[in-house]
Amino acid sequence: MNRPATVPLLDREKVRQFGALGYLLVLGGLALAGPYGFVAWGENLSLLDKREAQIKQLEAERADLKNRVALLDPNHVDPDMAGELIRGDLNVVHPDEYIYQLHDK
């Protein structure tokens, strides 16, 4: 009924090996499909491309607004810009003017 002393050592060694294997499998799974894994990396690259396109669009809008602000400088207002704003916002026209509205598509 006496057990040899080497049997518990083999059991501990197997448990350690299975634990290490399980740990490596979990790390491998996270590296592949985790929040910072290869699958998420591809998704982040496509999201980055979308954001860069959005930034370019916003920079173009900002440049347009900067130009309009420069044209409305109180010291020297561009007469065309002032006329456009007066006609568009206040609906002010001269009696001899005709207004044609062009609808955007």
Protein backbone atom coordinates (compact mmCIF):
# COMPACT_ATOMS: atom_id res chain seq x y z
CA MET A 1 0.00 0.00 0.00
CA ASN A 2 2.95 2.26 -0.08
CA ARG A 3 3.06 4.52 -3.08
CA PRO A 4 6.28 5.44 -4.67
CA ALA A 5 7.39 9.05 -4.14
CA THR A 6 7.73 9.74 -7.86
CA VAL A 7 4.01 9.49 -8.69
CA PRO A 8 3.01 12.83 -7.07
CA LEU A 9 5.92 14.52 -8.81
CA LEU A 10 4.71 13.26 -12.18
CA ASP A 11 1.20 14.46 -11.43
CA ARG A 12 2.48 17.91 -10.44
CA GLU A 13 4.63 18.07 -13.54
CA LYS A 14 1.68 17.15 -15.77
CA VAL A 15 -0.50 19.76 -14.07
CA ARG A 16 2.21 22.40 -14.62
CA GLN A 17 2.59 21.41 -18.26
CA PHE A 18 -1.16 21.50 -18.89
CA GLY A 19 -1.39 24.81 -17.06
CA ALA A 20 1.42 26.27 -19.16
CA LEU A 21 -0.16 24.90 -22.34
CA GLY A 22 -3.54 26.38 -21.37
CA TYR A 23 -1.90 29.72 -20.60
CA LEU A 24 -0.15 29.74 -23.99
CA LEU A 25 -3.39 28.84 -25.78
CA VAL A 26 -5.22 31.68 -24.06
CA LEU A 27 -2.45 34.12 -24.98
CA GLY A 28 -2.50 32.85 -28.56
CA GLY A 29 -6.27 33.26 -28.73
CA LEU A 30 -6.04 36.79 -27.39
CA ALA A 31 -3.26 37.62 -29.85
CA LEU A 32 -5.50 36.45 -32.69
CA ALA A 33 -9.00 37.56 -31.70
CA GLY A 34 -8.55 39.72 -28.61
CA PRO A 35 -9.28 43.44 -28.34
CA TYR A 36 -5.77 44.26 -29.60
CA GLY A 37 -5.26 41.16 -31.72
CA PHE A 38 -4.79 40.70 -35.44
CA VAL A 39 -8.52 40.77 -36.22
CA ALA A 40 -8.99 44.04 -34.33
CA TRP A 41 -5.89 45.42 -36.01
CA GLY A 42 -7.51 45.13 -39.44
CA GLU A 43 -10.69 46.74 -38.16
CA ASN A 44 -8.68 49.58 -36.63
CA LEU A 45 -6.87 50.18 -39.92
CA SER A 46 -10.15 50.51 -41.81
CA LEU A 47 -11.49 52.81 -39.09
CA LEU A 48 -8.31 54.88 -39.36
CA ASP A 49 -8.83 55.29 -43.11
CA LYS A 50 -12.40 56.48 -42.52
CA ARG A 51 -11.26 58.95 -39.88
CA GLU A 52 -8.52 60.32 -42.14
CA ALA A 53 -11.08 60.90 -44.91
CA GLN A 54 -13.34 62.62 -42.39
CA ILE A 55 -10.44 64.82 -41.24
CA LYS A 56 -9.70 65.84 -44.84
CA GLN A 57 -13.35 66.78 -45.35
CA LEU A 58 -13.43 68.80 -42.12
CA GLU A 59 -10.18 70.56 -43.05
CA ALA A 60 -11.71 71.58 -46.39
CA GLU A 61 -14.80 72.92 -44.61
CA ARG A 62 -12.59 74.77 -42.17
CA ALA A 63 -10.60 76.37 -44.99
CA ASP A 64 -13.87 77.48 -46.63
CA LEU A 65 -15.12 78.98 -43.37
CA LYS A 66 -11.77 80.70 -42.81
CA ASN A 67 -12.05 82.25 -46.26
CA ARG A 68 -15.59 83.47 -45.56
CA VAL A 69 -14.51 84.97 -42.24
CA ALA A 70 -11.62 86.75 -43.96
CA LEU A 71 -14.06 88.18 -46.53
CA LEU A 72 -16.25 89.53 -43.71
CA ASP A 73 -13.45 91.43 -41.97
CA PRO A 74 -15.02 94.58 -40.44
CA ASN A 75 -12.24 96.81 -41.81
CA HIS A 76 -12.80 95.81 -45.44
CA VAL A 77 -15.84 93.70 -46.20
CA ASP A 78 -16.06 92.04 -49.60
CA PRO A 79 -19.11 93.60 -51.28
CA ASP A 80 -20.12 90.37 -53.02
CA MET A 81 -20.08 88.44 -49.74
CA ALA A 82 -22.03 91.16 -47.96
CA GLY A 83 -24.62 91.22 -50.75
CA GLU A 84 -24.92 87.43 -50.67
CA LEU A 85 -25.51 87.41 -46.92
CA ILE A 86 -28.02 90.26 -47.03
CA ARG A 87 -30.01 88.67 -49.83
CA GLY A 88 -29.86 85.18 -48.35
CA ASP A 89 -30.49 85.88 -44.68
CA LEU A 90 -32.69 88.96 -44.76
CA ASN A 91 -34.49 88.42 -48.09
CA VAL A 92 -33.61 91.96 -49.14
CA VAL A 93 -33.65 92.70 -52.88
CA HIS A 94 -33.77 95.76 -55.07
CA PRO A 95 -37.03 96.38 -56.93
CA ASP A 96 -35.37 95.79 -60.31
CA GLU A 97 -33.73 92.44 -59.40
CA TYR A 98 -34.91 88.98 -60.31
CA ILE A 99 -34.21 86.03 -58.04
CA TYR A 100 -33.63 82.55 -59.46
CA GLN A 101 -33.35 79.75 -56.97
CA LEU A 102 -31.23 76.80 -57.98
CA HIS A 103 -32.02 73.62 -56.12
CA ASP A 104 -29.17 71.34 -55.13
CA LYS A 105 -29.45 67.74 -56.14
